[in-house]
Amino acid sequence: RQSAQLLDAQQQLRGAERATKEAEGALATSEARCAELQKLEDSGEAARVELAAKAFAAVERIHELMAEAQRAKEMHTQLQEKLEEETRRANEAERCTTAAATTS
């Protein structure tokens, strides 16, 4: 009777050892998957940081372009005003020349 109990206990021990090995294998697999997921998360975070940096740079460039456009608009306005003034002067000079030619 004791040998039957001993055999039963040995079988239970072997079963427990198998279950322990399976659990250890599952734990190792789970840890490996966790490590892979952490790597993916880290690379995703790096990609988000890089994307945010690119977006910030793009916004900065947009601001630069807007400032350049404003300067160009102001220069255009100044040139337009100079052109109008030169046109008035040329028209006045032409009127004076025409008036002088008709009076002489």
Protein backbone atom coordinates (compact mmCIF):
# COMPACT_ATOMS: atom_id res chain seq x y z
CA ARG A 1 0.00 0.00 0.00
CA GLN A 2 2.83 2.43 0.73
CA SER A 3 4.51 1.58 -2.58
CA ALA A 4 1.24 2.41 -4.39
CA GLN A 5 1.13 5.72 -2.59
CA LEU A 6 4.81 6.27 -3.42
CA LEU A 7 4.17 5.53 -7.12
CA ASP A 8 1.18 7.86 -7.10
CA ALA A 9 3.24 10.59 -5.45
CA GLN A 10 6.04 10.07 -8.01
CA GLN A 11 3.55 10.36 -10.87
CA GLN A 12 2.10 13.50 -9.35
CA LEU A 13 5.63 14.91 -8.97
CA ARG A 14 6.43 14.16 -12.62
CA GLY A 15 3.15 15.75 -13.64
CA ALA A 16 3.96 18.78 -11.55
CA GLU A 17 7.45 18.95 -13.10
CA ARG A 18 5.94 18.81 -16.61
CA ALA A 19 3.44 21.49 -15.70
CA THR A 20 6.27 23.60 -14.26
CA LYS A 21 8.32 23.22 -17.45
CA GLU A 22 5.29 24.15 -19.57
CA ALA A 23 4.63 27.16 -17.35
CA GLU A 24 8.30 28.19 -17.60
CA GLY A 25 8.12 27.87 -21.39
CA ALA A 26 4.94 29.92 -21.51
CA LEU A 27 6.54 32.52 -19.24
CA ALA A 28 9.62 32.72 -21.47
CA THR A 29 7.40 33.10 -24.55
CA SER A 30 5.36 35.77 -22.82
CA GLU A 31 8.48 37.67 -21.74
CA ALA A 32 9.84 37.50 -25.29
CA ARG A 33 6.56 38.85 -26.66
CA CYS A 34 6.58 41.62 -24.07
CA ALA A 35 10.11 42.54 -25.11
CA GLU A 36 9.05 42.62 -28.78
CA LEU A 37 6.04 44.78 -27.96
CA GLN A 38 8.25 47.13 -25.93
CA LYS A 39 10.61 47.45 -28.91
CA LEU A 40 7.66 48.22 -31.17
CA GLU A 41 6.34 50.76 -28.70
CA ASP A 42 9.78 52.36 -28.39
CA SER A 43 10.19 52.55 -32.16
CA GLY A 44 6.66 53.93 -32.44
CA GLU A 45 7.49 56.56 -29.84
CA ALA A 46 10.67 57.43 -31.74
CA ALA A 47 8.63 57.74 -34.94
CA ARG A 48 6.11 60.00 -33.18
CA VAL A 49 8.93 62.18 -31.84
CA GLU A 50 10.51 62.38 -35.30
CA LEU A 51 7.15 63.22 -36.86
CA ALA A 52 6.52 65.93 -34.28
CA ALA A 53 9.96 67.41 -34.97
CA LYS A 54 9.25 67.42 -38.71
CA ALA A 55 5.86 69.03 -38.13
CA PHE A 56 7.48 71.72 -35.96
CA ALA A 57 10.11 72.36 -38.65
CA ALA A 58 7.36 72.60 -41.27
CA VAL A 59 5.47 75.13 -39.18
CA GLU A 60 8.67 77.14 -38.70
CA ARG A 61 9.24 77.10 -42.48
CA ILE A 62 5.65 78.22 -43.08
CA HIS A 63 6.22 81.17 -40.74
CA GLU A 64 9.43 82.05 -42.62
CA LEU A 65 7.61 81.87 -45.96
CA MET A 66 4.77 84.02 -44.64
CA ALA A 67 7.30 86.63 -43.46
CA GLU A 68 9.00 86.53 -46.89
CA ALA A 69 5.63 86.90 -48.59
CA GLN A 70 4.81 89.91 -46.40
CA ARG A 71 8.17 91.54 -47.26
CA ALA A 72 7.56 90.84 -50.95
CA LYS A 73 4.09 92.38 -50.70
CA GLU A 74 5.48 95.48 -49.02
CA MET A 75 8.22 95.77 -51.68
CA HIS A 76 5.61 95.35 -54.41
CA THR A 77 3.54 98.13 -52.86
CA GLN A 78 6.59 100.43 -52.71
CA LEU A 79 7.52 99.66 -56.29
CA GLN A 80 3.92 100.23 -57.39
CA GLU A 81 3.94 103.62 -55.65
CA LYS A 82 7.28 104.55 -57.29
CA LEU A 83 5.95 103.48 -60.69
CA GLU A 84 2.84 105.59 -60.25
CA GLU A 85 4.99 108.59 -59.21
CA GLU A 86 7.34 108.12 -62.19
CA THR A 87 4.33 107.80 -64.50
CA ARG A 88 2.88 111.06 -63.12
CA ARG A 89 6.24 112.80 -63.62
CA ALA A 90 6.59 111.45 -67.15
CA ASN A 91 3.05 112.55 -68.02
CA GLU A 92 3.71 116.00 -66.53
CA ALA A 93 7.00 116.29 -68.43
CA GLU A 94 5.22 115.28 -71.63
CA ARG A 95 2.51 117.90 -71.03
CA CYS A 96 5.16 120.54 -70.40
CA THR A 97 7.05 119.52 -73.54
CA THR A 98 3.83 119.57 -75.56
CA ALA A 99 2.83 122.95 -74.13
CA ALA A 100 6.28 124.39 -74.84
CA ALA A 101 6.20 123.09 -78.40
CA THR A 102 2.78 124.60 -79.08
CA THR A 103 3.66 127.97 -77.63
CA SER A 104 6.84 128.37 -79.63
